[in-house]
Amino acid sequence: MSLVPIFPALVKGGVLLPDRPQDFGQWVRSLEGLHVEVVVRKRGAQRSLPENNWLWMANGLLADHCGYEPNEAEIVHYEMLAKRFGTITTPKGLTLPARTSSHLSRAEFADYMEWYVRTAAQEFGVLIPLPGEAEP
């Protein structure tokens, strides 16, 4: 699956104002000469604070199991994102994992949480509870 960046923006006076205009402009310039699709839709709800807390709890459990230091849970976070969603290559050629906060609806994030739990159990032998389940 090839993901492209999603740029949050505000519509004001019929004009689209990207939240990160430099990044947006750089991305658009990287597509020079190509035919593109433009989709503008109302921004959906982002994941909740409890969902975000769950993600970092899960990253911490998996990081601990894999021998990372407590402050290195972010490494596991990005490894799991790349494993599930692949990577994005920026116009400057930098390869980054996809981001759940800007690319996934709440329903898609719920699917990601279930995938994360299955993958942690099957590939690493780590039991991670879903929200509302008992701690391992």
C-alpha atoms as a PDB file:
ATOM      1  CA  MET A   1       0.000   0.000   0.000  1.00  0.00           C
ATOM      2  CA  SER A   2       1.442   3.363  -0.953  1.00  0.00           C
ATOM      3  CA  LEU A   3       0.410   6.191   1.309  1.00  0.00           C
ATOM      4  CA  VAL A   4       0.648   9.861   0.508  1.00  0.00           C
ATOM      5  CA  PRO A   5       0.724  12.630   3.074  1.00  0.00           C
ATOM      6  CA  ILE A   6      -2.492  14.220   4.208  1.00  0.00           C
ATOM      7  CA  PHE A   7      -2.245  17.939   4.862  1.00  0.00           C
ATOM      8  CA  PRO A   8      -4.743  19.390   7.329  1.00  0.00           C
ATOM      9  CA  ALA A   9      -6.006  22.791   6.250  1.00  0.00           C
ATOM     10  CA  LEU A  10      -8.545  25.494   6.995  1.00  0.00           C
ATOM     11  CA  VAL A  11     -10.946  26.874   4.405  1.00  0.00           C
ATOM     12  CA  LYS A  12     -11.354  30.618   4.881  1.00  0.00           C
ATOM     13  CA  GLY A  13     -13.065  32.897   2.395  1.00  0.00           C
ATOM     14  CA  GLY A  14     -13.103  30.101  -0.176  1.00  0.00           C
ATOM     15  CA  VAL A  15      -9.320  29.718   0.078  1.00  0.00           C
ATOM     16  CA  LEU A  16      -7.528  26.577   1.276  1.00  0.00           C
ATOM     17  CA  LEU A  17      -4.921  27.407   3.967  1.00  0.00           C
ATOM     18  CA  PRO A  18      -2.681  24.388   4.760  1.00  0.00           C
ATOM     19  CA  ASP A  19      -1.575  24.033   8.392  1.00  0.00           C
ATOM     20  CA  ARG A  20       1.981  23.341   7.147  1.00  0.00           C
ATOM     21  CA  PRO A  21       2.229  25.465   3.995  1.00  0.00           C
ATOM     22  CA  GLN A  22       5.951  24.825   3.395  1.00  0.00           C
ATOM     23  CA  ASP A  23       5.513  21.028   3.554  1.00  0.00           C
ATOM     24  CA  PHE A  24       2.413  21.234   1.380  1.00  0.00           C
ATOM     25  CA  GLY A  25       4.188  23.390  -1.200  1.00  0.00           C
ATOM     26  CA  GLN A  26       7.207  21.098  -1.243  1.00  0.00           C
ATOM     27  CA  TRP A  27       4.986  18.064  -1.831  1.00  0.00           C
ATOM     28  CA  VAL A  28       3.058  19.771  -4.636  1.00  0.00           C
ATOM     29  CA  ARG A  29       6.298  20.897  -6.315  1.00  0.00           C
ATOM     30  CA  SER A  30       7.532  17.281  -6.215  1.00  0.00           C
ATOM     31  CA  LEU A  31       4.587  16.342  -8.454  1.00  0.00           C
ATOM     32  CA  GLU A  32       5.456  18.889 -11.170  1.00  0.00           C
ATOM     33  CA  GLY A  33       4.200  17.797 -14.580  1.00  0.00           C
ATOM     34  CA  LEU A  34       2.071  14.929 -13.256  1.00  0.00           C
ATOM     35  CA  HIS A  35      -1.700  14.581 -13.362  1.00  0.00           C
ATOM     36  CA  VAL A  36      -2.987  14.465  -9.771  1.00  0.00           C
ATOM     37  CA  GLU A  37      -6.215  14.031  -7.831  1.00  0.00           C
ATOM     38  CA  VAL A  38      -7.312  16.602  -5.280  1.00  0.00           C
ATOM     39  CA  VAL A  39      -9.664  15.477  -2.502  1.00  0.00           C
ATOM     40  CA  VAL A  40     -11.061  18.005  -0.040  1.00  0.00           C
ATOM     41  CA  ARG A  41     -13.231  16.671   2.760  1.00  0.00           C
ATOM     42  CA  LYS A  42     -14.296  17.689   6.219  1.00  0.00           C
ATOM     43  CA  ARG A  43     -11.705  16.553   8.732  1.00  0.00           C
ATOM     44  CA  GLY A  44     -12.735  13.473  10.696  1.00  0.00           C
ATOM     45  CA  ALA A  45     -12.403  12.891  14.401  1.00  0.00           C
ATOM     46  CA  GLN A  46      -8.918  11.990  15.538  1.00  0.00           C
ATOM     47  CA  ARG A  47      -8.236   9.227  18.005  1.00  0.00           C
ATOM     48  CA  SER A  48      -9.123   9.861  21.615  1.00  0.00           C
ATOM     49  CA  LEU A  49      -6.711  10.469  24.478  1.00  0.00           C
ATOM     50  CA  PRO A  50      -7.421   6.972  25.902  1.00  0.00           C
ATOM     51  CA  GLU A  51      -6.656   5.449  22.481  1.00  0.00           C
ATOM     52  CA  ASN A  52      -3.425   7.438  22.304  1.00  0.00           C
ATOM     53  CA  ASN A  53      -2.516   6.324  25.843  1.00  0.00           C
ATOM     54  CA  TRP A  54      -3.209   2.710  24.858  1.00  0.00           C
ATOM     55  CA  LEU A  55      -0.878   2.990  21.856  1.00  0.00           C
ATOM     56  CA  TRP A  56       2.010   4.231  23.991  1.00  0.00           C
ATOM     57  CA  MET A  57       1.333   1.581  26.663  1.00  0.00           C
ATOM     58  CA  ALA A  58       1.471  -1.080  23.914  1.00  0.00           C
ATOM     59  CA  ASN A  59       4.647   0.413  22.442  1.00  0.00           C
ATOM     60  CA  GLY A  60       6.217   0.386  25.913  1.00  0.00           C
ATOM     61  CA  LEU A  61       5.341  -3.268  26.561  1.00  0.00           C
ATOM     62  CA  LEU A  62       6.708  -4.369  23.204  1.00  0.00           C
ATOM     63  CA  ALA A  63       9.818  -2.197  23.525  1.00  0.00           C
ATOM     64  CA  ASP A  64      10.542  -3.658  26.967  1.00  0.00           C
ATOM     65  CA  HIS A  65      10.143  -7.189  25.613  1.00  0.00           C
ATOM     66  CA  CYS A  66      12.519  -6.439  22.722  1.00  0.00           C
ATOM     67  CA  GLY A  67      15.203  -5.049  25.039  1.00  0.00           C
ATOM     68  CA  TYR A  68      14.804  -1.358  24.336  1.00  0.00           C
ATOM     69  CA  GLU A  69      15.269   1.246  27.055  1.00  0.00           C
ATOM     70  CA  PRO A  70      12.033   2.813  28.401  1.00  0.00           C
ATOM     71  CA  ASN A  71      12.681   6.029  26.454  1.00  0.00           C
ATOM     72  CA  GLU A  72      13.036   4.068  23.184  1.00  0.00           C
ATOM     73  CA  ALA A  73       9.380   3.020  22.794  1.00  0.00           C
ATOM     74  CA  GLU A  74       9.174   5.421  19.862  1.00  0.00           C
ATOM     75  CA  ILE A  75      11.468   3.088  17.886  1.00  0.00           C
ATOM     76  CA  VAL A  76       8.944   0.261  18.276  1.00  0.00           C
ATOM     77  CA  HIS A  77       6.137   2.682  17.381  1.00  0.00           C
ATOM     78  CA  TYR A  78       7.733   3.520  14.034  1.00  0.00           C
ATOM     79  CA  GLU A  79       8.752  -0.075  13.333  1.00  0.00           C
ATOM     80  CA  MET A  80       5.163  -1.264  13.843  1.00  0.00           C
ATOM     81  CA  LEU A  81       3.775   1.550  11.670  1.00  0.00           C
ATOM     82  CA  ALA A  82       6.162   0.684   8.845  1.00  0.00           C
ATOM     83  CA  LYS A  83       5.352  -3.028   9.223  1.00  0.00           C
ATOM     84  CA  ARG A  84       1.590  -2.385   8.954  1.00  0.00           C
ATOM     85  CA  PHE A  85       1.318   0.597   6.608  1.00  0.00           C
ATOM     86  CA  GLY A  86       4.617   0.780   4.779  1.00  0.00           C
ATOM     87  CA  THR A  87       6.522   4.002   4.371  1.00  0.00           C
ATOM     88  CA  ILE A  88       6.221   7.400   2.735  1.00  0.00           C
ATOM     89  CA  THR A  89       9.063   8.934   0.760  1.00  0.00           C
ATOM     90  CA  THR A  90       9.223  12.707   1.097  1.00  0.00           C
ATOM     91  CA  PRO A  91       9.994  14.930  -1.882  1.00  0.00           C
ATOM     92  CA  LYS A  92      13.586  15.169  -0.579  1.00  0.00           C
ATOM     93  CA  GLY A  93      13.901  11.369  -0.610  1.00  0.00           C
ATOM     94  CA  LEU A  94      13.597  10.781   3.145  1.00  0.00           C
ATOM     95  CA  THR A  95      11.752   7.535   3.925  1.00  0.00           C
ATOM     96  CA  LEU A  96       9.370   7.721   6.883  1.00  0.00           C
ATOM     97  CA  PRO A  97       6.740   5.371   8.315  1.00  0.00           C
ATOM     98  CA  ALA A  98       3.127   6.387   7.911  1.00  0.00           C
ATOM     99  CA  ARG A  99       1.527   8.297  10.786  1.00  0.00           C
ATOM    100  CA  THR A 100      -1.615   7.002  12.459  1.00  0.00           C
ATOM    101  CA  SER A 101      -2.678  10.418  13.734  1.00  0.00           C
ATOM    102  CA  SER A 102      -3.049  11.940  10.280  1.00  0.00           C
ATOM    103  CA  HIS A 103      -3.840   8.938   8.087  1.00  0.00           C
ATOM    104  CA  LEU A 104      -6.339   6.857  10.036  1.00  0.00           C
ATOM    105  CA  SER A 105      -9.952   7.413  10.980  1.00  0.00           C
ATOM    106  CA  ARG A 106     -11.004   6.237  14.427  1.00  0.00           C
ATOM    107  CA  ALA A 107     -12.433   3.034  12.917  1.00  0.00           C
ATOM    108  CA  GLU A 108      -9.186   2.403  11.038  1.00  0.00           C
ATOM    109  CA  PHE A 109      -7.217   3.068  14.237  1.00  0.00           C
ATOM    110  CA  ALA A 110      -9.372   0.482  16.046  1.00  0.00           C
ATOM    111  CA  ASP A 111      -8.431  -2.015  13.305  1.00  0.00           C
ATOM    112  CA  TYR A 112      -4.774  -1.063  13.787  1.00  0.00           C
ATOM    113  CA  MET A 113      -5.049  -1.707  17.543  1.00  0.00           C
ATOM    114  CA  GLU A 114      -6.437  -5.196  16.891  1.00  0.00           C
ATOM    115  CA  TRP A 115      -3.682  -5.876  14.324  1.00  0.00           C
ATOM    116  CA  TYR A 116      -1.064  -4.617  16.805  1.00  0.00           C
ATOM    117  CA  VAL A 117      -2.318  -6.998  19.530  1.00  0.00           C
ATOM    118  CA  ARG A 118      -2.329  -9.975  17.118  1.00  0.00           C
ATOM    119  CA  THR A 119       1.116  -9.161  15.732  1.00  0.00           C
ATOM    120  CA  ALA A 120       2.652  -8.632  19.175  1.00  0.00           C
ATOM    121  CA  ALA A 121       1.301 -12.025  20.285  1.00  0.00           C
ATOM    122  CA  GLN A 122       2.093 -13.990  17.125  1.00  0.00           C
ATOM    123  CA  GLU A 123       5.491 -12.555  16.229  1.00  0.00           C
ATOM    124  CA  PHE A 124       6.892 -11.549  19.627  1.00  0.00           C
ATOM    125  CA  GLY A 125       4.957 -13.601  22.174  1.00  0.00           C
ATOM    126  CA  VAL A 126       3.816 -10.427  23.938  1.00  0.00           C
ATOM    127  CA  LEU A 127       0.250 -10.212  25.255  1.00  0.00           C
ATOM    128  CA  ILE A 128      -1.118  -6.690  25.043  1.00  0.00           C
ATOM    129  CA  PRO A 129      -4.651  -6.000  26.274  1.00  0.00           C
ATOM    130  CA  LEU A 130      -7.062  -3.994  24.179  1.00  0.00           C
ATOM    131  CA  PRO A 131      -8.741  -1.078  25.964  1.00  0.00           C
ATOM    132  CA  GLY A 132     -11.187  -2.444  28.537  1.00  0.00           C
ATOM    133  CA  GLU A 133      -9.390  -5.789  28.834  1.00  0.00           C
ATOM    134  CA  ALA A 134      -7.436  -6.847  31.913  1.00  0.00           C
ATOM    135  CA  GLU A 135      -3.731  -6.016  32.013  1.00  0.00           C
ATOM    136  CA  PRO A 136      -1.445  -8.929  31.005  1.00  0.00           C
END
